[in-house]
Amino acid sequence: MLPSSESTAENPELESVRGELAVLLVELGTNVQATERMQAELVDDASGDSIGRAMSQAPGGVSAVAASESRTNALIERELEKYSSLLDAIQRKIREQPAMLSRVLDMNHEFSAMRSQSEATIKREG
């Protein structure tokens, strides 16, 4: 929800802070949406994947892979590696969110304080 500009139009400083807050909220929302899209992509990719298929396509087939713990682990690591760049991107987006939220909260606090001060001034002088 973006802050209302109704009571800020007559105060350029307050309008500026409201605008900055709106931009921060849009950036945070965009980040969250991108994270959700990447998570959905990861789920879709993983749901169509099969370790059994990878084992059967490996040299020597399932029995050769299953007979060796190191071959099994290596195969699993190779299969998981294809998701690493997407997982890294998701983790980067998630790590960005607390700082973004903190900036939104700080700016909202500043906006609320300025707005209250402005409304109090109008009431007192009006």
N, C-alpha and C. Protein backbone atom coordinates (compact mmCIF):
# COMPACT_ATOMS: atom_id res chain seq x y z
N MET A 1 0.84 -1.17 0.00
CA MET A 1 0.00 0.00 0.00
C MET A 1 0.88 1.23 0.00
N LEU A 2 0.67 2.10 -0.97
CA LEU A 2 1.47 3.31 -1.08
C LEU A 2 0.88 4.40 -0.20
N PRO A 3 1.74 5.25 0.36
CA PRO A 3 1.23 6.34 1.19
C PRO A 3 0.42 7.31 0.34
N SER A 4 -0.64 7.83 0.93
CA SER A 4 -1.52 8.75 0.23
C SER A 4 -0.84 10.09 0.03
N SER A 5 -1.08 10.69 -1.14
CA SER A 5 -0.50 12.00 -1.41
C SER A 5 -1.49 13.12 -1.14
N GLU A 6 -2.69 12.78 -0.65
CA GLU A 6 -3.72 13.80 -0.41
C GLU A 6 -3.23 14.92 0.50
N SER A 7 -2.62 14.54 1.62
CA SER A 7 -2.24 15.56 2.61
C SER A 7 -0.81 16.05 2.43
N THR A 8 -0.14 15.65 1.35
CA THR A 8 1.25 16.06 1.17
C THR A 8 1.42 17.08 0.06
N ALA A 9 0.40 17.30 -0.73
CA ALA A 9 0.51 18.15 -1.92
C ALA A 9 0.96 19.57 -1.58
N GLU A 10 0.59 20.09 -0.44
CA GLU A 10 0.94 21.46 -0.08
C GLU A 10 2.28 21.56 0.65
N ASN A 11 2.93 20.45 0.90
CA ASN A 11 4.20 20.44 1.60
C ASN A 11 5.22 19.70 0.73
N PRO A 12 6.07 20.43 -0.01
CA PRO A 12 7.01 19.78 -0.93
C PRO A 12 7.97 18.80 -0.25
N GLU A 13 8.42 19.11 0.96
CA GLU A 13 9.33 18.22 1.66
C GLU A 13 8.63 16.91 2.03
N LEU A 14 7.41 17.03 2.51
CA LEU A 14 6.62 15.86 2.85
C LEU A 14 6.31 15.04 1.59
N GLU A 15 6.00 15.71 0.50
CA GLU A 15 5.72 15.03 -0.77
C GLU A 15 6.97 14.29 -1.25
N SER A 16 8.13 14.88 -1.06
CA SER A 16 9.38 14.24 -1.46
C SER A 16 9.61 12.94 -0.67
N VAL A 17 9.39 13.00 0.63
CA VAL A 17 9.56 11.81 1.46
C VAL A 17 8.52 10.75 1.08
N ARG A 18 7.30 11.18 0.82
CA ARG A 18 6.25 10.24 0.39
C ARG A 18 6.65 9.56 -0.91
N GLY A 19 7.21 10.34 -1.84
CA GLY A 19 7.66 9.78 -3.11
C GLY A 19 8.78 8.76 -2.92
N GLU A 20 9.74 9.09 -2.05
CA GLU A 20 10.84 8.16 -1.76
C GLU A 20 10.30 6.87 -1.13
N LEU A 21 9.36 7.02 -0.22
CA LEU A 21 8.76 5.86 0.42
C LEU A 21 8.04 4.99 -0.61
N ALA A 22 7.32 5.62 -1.50
CA ALA A 22 6.61 4.87 -2.55
C ALA A 22 7.60 4.09 -3.42
N VAL A 23 8.71 4.71 -3.77
CA VAL A 23 9.72 4.04 -4.58
C VAL A 23 10.29 2.83 -3.83
N LEU A 24 10.60 3.02 -2.55
CA LEU A 24 11.13 1.92 -1.75
C LEU A 24 10.15 0.76 -1.66
N LEU A 25 8.87 1.08 -1.50
CA LEU A 25 7.85 0.03 -1.43
C LEU A 25 7.75 -0.74 -2.74
N VAL A 26 7.83 -0.03 -3.85
CA VAL A 26 7.79 -0.69 -5.15
C VAL A 26 9.02 -1.59 -5.32
N GLU A 27 10.20 -1.09 -4.93
CA GLU A 27 11.42 -1.90 -5.04
C GLU A 27 11.32 -3.16 -4.18
N LEU A 28 10.82 -3.03 -2.97
CA LEU A 28 10.66 -4.19 -2.09
C LEU A 28 9.67 -5.18 -2.71
N GLY A 29 8.55 -4.68 -3.19
CA GLY A 29 7.55 -5.55 -3.82
C GLY A 29 8.11 -6.26 -5.05
N THR A 30 8.89 -5.56 -5.84
CA THR A 30 9.51 -6.15 -7.03
C THR A 30 10.47 -7.25 -6.63
N ASN A 31 11.25 -7.01 -5.57
CA ASN A 31 12.19 -8.01 -5.07
C ASN A 31 11.45 -9.26 -4.61
N VAL A 32 10.39 -9.07 -3.85
CA VAL A 32 9.62 -10.22 -3.34
C VAL A 32 9.00 -11.00 -4.50
N GLN A 33 8.45 -10.29 -5.47
CA GLN A 33 7.85 -10.97 -6.63
C GLN A 33 8.90 -11.75 -7.42
N ALA A 34 10.08 -11.17 -7.60
CA ALA A 34 11.15 -11.86 -8.32
C ALA A 34 11.57 -13.12 -7.57
N THR A 35 11.66 -13.00 -6.24
CA THR A 35 12.01 -14.16 -5.42
C THR A 35 10.96 -15.26 -5.57
N GLU A 36 9.71 -14.89 -5.52
CA GLU A 36 8.63 -15.86 -5.66
C GLU A 36 8.65 -16.53 -7.03
N ARG A 37 8.94 -15.75 -8.09
CA ARG A 37 9.01 -16.32 -9.43
C ARG A 37 10.15 -17.33 -9.53
N MET A 38 11.30 -16.97 -8.97
CA MET A 38 12.44 -17.89 -9.01
C MET A 38 12.17 -19.15 -8.19
N GLN A 39 11.51 -18.99 -7.06
CA GLN A 39 11.16 -20.17 -6.25
C GLN A 39 10.21 -21.09 -7.02
N ALA A 40 9.24 -20.51 -7.71
CA ALA A 40 8.31 -21.30 -8.50
C ALA A 40 9.04 -22.01 -9.64
N GLU A 41 9.99 -21.31 -10.26
CA GLU A 41 10.79 -21.92 -11.33
C GLU A 41 11.59 -23.10 -10.79
N LEU A 42 12.17 -22.93 -9.61
CA LEU A 42 12.95 -24.00 -8.99
C LEU A 42 12.07 -25.22 -8.70
N VAL A 43 10.89 -24.98 -8.16
CA VAL A 43 9.96 -26.07 -7.87
C VAL A 43 9.56 -26.79 -9.16
N ASP A 44 9.27 -26.02 -10.20
CA ASP A 44 8.90 -26.62 -11.49
C ASP A 44 10.04 -27.47 -12.05
N ASP A 45 11.25 -26.90 -12.02
CA ASP A 45 12.41 -27.64 -12.54
C ASP A 45 12.65 -28.92 -11.74
N ALA A 46 12.60 -28.80 -10.43
CA ALA A 46 12.89 -29.96 -9.58
C ALA A 46 11.80 -31.02 -9.67
N SER A 47 10.56 -30.59 -9.86
CA SER A 47 9.47 -31.58 -9.91
C SER A 47 9.56 -32.45 -11.16
N GLY A 48 10.18 -31.94 -12.20
CA GLY A 48 10.33 -32.72 -13.43
C GLY A 48 11.62 -33.52 -13.46
N ASP A 49 12.39 -33.43 -12.40
CA ASP A 49 13.69 -34.10 -12.35
C ASP A 49 13.56 -35.43 -11.63
N SER A 50 14.47 -36.34 -11.92
CA SER A 50 14.43 -37.66 -11.29
C SER A 50 15.84 -38.19 -11.09
N ILE A 51 16.21 -38.45 -9.85
CA ILE A 51 17.52 -39.03 -9.57
C ILE A 51 17.58 -40.45 -10.12
N GLY A 52 16.46 -41.12 -10.13
CA GLY A 52 16.40 -42.47 -10.70
C GLY A 52 16.76 -42.47 -12.17
N ARG A 53 16.24 -41.51 -12.90
CA ARG A 53 16.54 -41.40 -14.33
C ARG A 53 18.03 -41.12 -14.52
N ALA A 54 18.57 -40.22 -13.71
CA ALA A 54 20.00 -39.91 -13.79
C ALA A 54 20.85 -41.14 -13.48
N MET A 55 20.41 -41.91 -12.50
CA MET A 55 21.16 -43.13 -12.15
C MET A 55 21.12 -44.15 -13.29
N SER A 56 19.97 -44.28 -13.92
CA SER A 56 19.85 -45.26 -15.00
C SER A 56 20.64 -44.84 -16.23
N GLN A 57 20.85 -43.55 -16.41
CA GLN A 57 21.60 -43.05 -17.57
C GLN A 57 23.10 -42.99 -17.30
N ALA A 58 23.50 -43.18 -16.05
CA ALA A 58 24.93 -43.14 -15.70
C ALA A 58 25.63 -44.39 -16.24
N PRO A 59 26.95 -44.29 -16.50
CA PRO A 59 27.70 -45.47 -16.96
C PRO A 59 27.54 -46.63 -15.97
N GLY A 60 27.15 -47.77 -16.45
CA GLY A 60 26.94 -48.94 -15.60
C GLY A 60 25.54 -49.02 -15.04
N GLY A 61 24.75 -47.98 -15.22
CA GLY A 61 23.37 -47.99 -14.78
C GLY A 61 23.18 -47.87 -13.28
N VAL A 62 21.96 -48.15 -12.85
CA VAL A 62 21.56 -48.00 -11.46
C VAL A 62 22.40 -48.87 -10.54
N SER A 63 22.62 -50.11 -10.94
CA SER A 63 23.35 -51.03 -10.05
C SER A 63 24.78 -50.57 -9.82
N ALA A 64 25.43 -50.03 -10.84
CA ALA A 64 26.81 -49.56 -10.68
C ALA A 64 26.87 -48.34 -9.76
N VAL A 65 25.92 -47.44 -9.91
CA VAL A 65 25.89 -46.24 -9.07
C VAL A 65 25.54 -46.62 -7.64
N ALA A 66 24.55 -47.47 -7.49
CA ALA A 66 24.09 -47.86 -6.15
C ALA A 66 25.13 -48.68 -5.40
N ALA A 67 25.99 -49.36 -6.12
CA ALA A 67 27.01 -50.20 -5.48
C ALA A 67 28.14 -49.40 -4.86
N SER A 68 28.23 -48.14 -5.23
CA SER A 68 29.33 -47.31 -4.73
C SER A 68 28.79 -46.03 -4.11
N GLU A 69 29.04 -45.88 -2.82
CA GLU A 69 28.56 -44.67 -2.13
C GLU A 69 29.17 -43.41 -2.75
N SER A 70 30.44 -43.48 -3.11
CA SER A 70 31.09 -42.30 -3.69
C SER A 70 30.49 -41.96 -5.06
N ARG A 71 30.16 -42.97 -5.87
CA ARG A 71 29.52 -42.70 -7.16
C ARG A 71 28.11 -42.14 -6.95
N THR A 72 27.41 -42.68 -5.97
CA THR A 72 26.06 -42.17 -5.67
C THR A 72 26.14 -40.71 -5.24
N ASN A 73 27.05 -40.41 -4.33
CA ASN A 73 27.20 -39.03 -3.86
C ASN A 73 27.63 -38.09 -4.98
N ALA A 74 28.55 -38.55 -5.83
CA ALA A 74 29.01 -37.73 -6.96
C ALA A 74 27.86 -37.44 -7.92
N LEU A 75 27.06 -38.46 -8.18
CA LEU A 75 25.92 -38.28 -9.08
C LEU A 75 24.92 -37.28 -8.49
N ILE A 76 24.63 -37.44 -7.23
CA ILE A 76 23.69 -36.53 -6.56
C ILE A 76 24.23 -35.10 -6.60
N GLU A 77 25.51 -34.92 -6.32
CA GLU A 77 26.12 -33.59 -6.36
C GLU A 77 26.02 -32.98 -7.76
N ARG A 78 26.30 -33.79 -8.80
CA ARG A 78 26.19 -33.30 -10.18
C ARG A 78 24.75 -32.89 -10.50
N GLU A 79 23.81 -33.70 -10.05
CA GLU A 79 22.40 -33.39 -10.32
C GLU A 79 21.95 -32.12 -9.59
N LEU A 80 22.40 -31.95 -8.38
CA LEU A 80 22.03 -30.76 -7.62
C LEU A 80 22.71 -29.49 -8.15
N GLU A 81 23.87 -29.66 -8.75
CA GLU A 81 24.64 -28.52 -9.27
C GLU A 81 23.85 -27.70 -10.28
N LYS A 82 22.99 -28.34 -11.04
CA LYS A 82 22.23 -27.60 -12.06
C LYS A 82 21.27 -26.58 -11.44
N TYR A 83 21.01 -26.72 -10.15
CA TYR A 83 20.13 -25.77 -9.48
C TYR A 83 20.88 -24.68 -8.71
N SER A 84 22.19 -24.79 -8.66
CA SER A 84 22.97 -23.90 -7.78
C SER A 84 22.86 -22.43 -8.17
N SER A 85 22.88 -22.10 -9.45
CA SER A 85 22.81 -20.68 -9.83
C SER A 85 21.44 -20.09 -9.46
N LEU A 86 20.39 -20.86 -9.66
CA LEU A 86 19.05 -20.38 -9.29
C LEU A 86 18.92 -20.26 -7.77
N LEU A 87 19.44 -21.24 -7.05
CA LEU A 87 19.42 -21.16 -5.58
C LEU A 87 20.22 -19.96 -5.08
N ASP A 88 21.38 -19.70 -5.70
CA ASP A 88 22.19 -18.55 -5.31
C ASP A 88 21.43 -17.25 -5.56
N ALA A 89 20.76 -17.16 -6.69
CA ALA A 89 19.99 -15.95 -7.02
C ALA A 89 18.85 -15.75 -6.01
N ILE A 90 18.17 -16.82 -5.65
CA ILE A 90 17.09 -16.74 -4.66
C ILE A 90 17.65 -16.28 -3.32
N GLN A 91 18.75 -16.86 -2.91
CA GLN A 91 19.35 -16.49 -1.63
C GLN A 91 19.79 -15.03 -1.62
N ARG A 92 20.34 -14.55 -2.75
CA ARG A 92 20.74 -13.13 -2.83
C ARG A 92 19.52 -12.22 -2.65
N LYS A 93 18.43 -12.57 -3.33
CA LYS A 93 17.20 -11.76 -3.22
C LYS A 93 16.69 -11.76 -1.79
N ILE A 94 16.70 -12.92 -1.17
CA ILE A 94 16.20 -13.02 0.21
C ILE A 94 17.10 -12.22 1.16
N ARG A 95 18.41 -12.27 0.95
CA ARG A 95 19.33 -11.50 1.81
C ARG A 95 19.16 -10.00 1.65
N GLU A 96 18.69 -9.55 0.50
CA GLU A 96 18.46 -8.12 0.27
C GLU A 96 17.23 -7.61 1.00
N GLN A 97 16.27 -8.47 1.26
CA GLN A 97 14.97 -8.04 1.77
C GLN A 97 15.00 -7.40 3.15
N PRO A 98 15.75 -7.91 4.13
CA PRO A 98 15.73 -7.24 5.44
C PRO A 98 16.21 -5.79 5.38
N ALA A 99 17.27 -5.53 4.62
CA ALA A 99 17.77 -4.15 4.50
C ALA A 99 16.74 -3.27 3.79
N MET A 100 16.09 -3.83 2.77
CA MET A 100 15.07 -3.07 2.06
C MET A 100 13.90 -2.75 2.99
N LEU A 101 13.47 -3.74 3.75
CA LEU A 101 12.37 -3.55 4.69
C LEU A 101 12.75 -2.52 5.75
N SER A 102 13.96 -2.58 6.21
CA SER A 102 14.44 -1.62 7.21
C SER A 102 14.38 -0.19 6.66
N ARG A 103 14.81 -0.02 5.40
CA ARG A 103 14.75 1.32 4.78
C ARG A 103 13.30 1.78 4.66
N VAL A 104 12.40 0.86 4.29
CA VAL A 104 10.97 1.21 4.19
C VAL A 104 10.44 1.65 5.55
N LEU A 105 10.76 0.89 6.59
CA LEU A 105 10.28 1.22 7.94
C LEU A 105 10.84 2.55 8.42
N ASP A 106 12.13 2.79 8.18
CA ASP A 106 12.73 4.07 8.56
C ASP A 106 12.08 5.23 7.83
N MET A 107 11.90 5.07 6.51
CA MET A 107 11.30 6.13 5.72
C MET A 107 9.84 6.34 6.11
N ASN A 108 9.13 5.26 6.42
CA ASN A 108 7.74 5.39 6.86
C ASN A 108 7.66 6.13 8.20
N HIS A 109 8.60 5.84 9.08
CA HIS A 109 8.64 6.54 10.37
C HIS A 109 8.87 8.04 10.14
N GLU A 110 9.81 8.35 9.26
CA GLU A 110 10.10 9.76 8.93
C GLU A 110 8.86 10.42 8.31
N PHE A 111 8.23 9.71 7.38
CA PHE A 111 7.03 10.24 6.73
C PHE A 111 5.92 10.48 7.75
N SER A 112 5.69 9.50 8.62
CA SER A 112 4.62 9.63 9.63
C SER A 112 4.90 10.80 10.57
N ALA A 113 6.15 10.93 11.00
CA ALA A 113 6.51 12.03 11.90
C ALA A 113 6.31 13.38 11.22
N MET A 114 6.75 13.49 9.97
CA MET A 114 6.59 14.75 9.23
C MET A 114 5.11 15.04 8.99
N ARG A 115 4.36 14.02 8.67
CA ARG A 115 2.93 14.20 8.40
C ARG A 115 2.19 14.63 9.67
N SER A 116 2.52 13.99 10.80
CA SER A 116 1.89 14.36 12.08
C SER A 116 2.24 15.79 12.44
N GLN A 117 3.49 16.14 12.24
CA GLN A 117 3.95 17.50 12.54
C GLN A 117 3.22 18.50 11.64
N SER A 118 3.08 18.15 10.38
CA SER A 118 2.41 19.02 9.43
C SER A 118 0.93 19.17 9.79
N GLU A 119 0.27 18.06 10.12
CA GLU A 119 -1.15 18.11 10.50
C GLU A 119 -1.33 18.88 11.81
N ALA A 120 -0.42 18.69 12.76
CA ALA A 120 -0.52 19.42 14.03
C ALA A 120 -0.33 20.91 13.80
N THR A 121 0.59 21.26 12.91
CA THR A 121 0.82 22.68 12.61
C THR A 121 -0.41 23.29 11.98
N ILE A 122 -1.00 22.57 11.04
CA ILE A 122 -2.21 23.08 10.37
C ILE A 122 -3.34 23.28 11.39
N LYS A 123 -3.54 22.32 12.28
CA LYS A 123 -4.60 22.44 13.29
C LYS A 123 -4.33 23.60 14.24
N ARG A 124 -3.06 23.71 14.66
CA ARG A 124 -2.70 24.74 15.62
C ARG A 124 -2.84 26.13 15.01
N GLU A 125 -2.43 26.29 13.77
CA GLU A 125 -2.45 27.61 13.14
C GLU A 125 -3.77 27.88 12.43
N GLY A 126 -4.55 26.84 12.20
CA GLY A 126 -5.78 26.98 11.43
C GLY A 126 -6.90 27.38 12.25
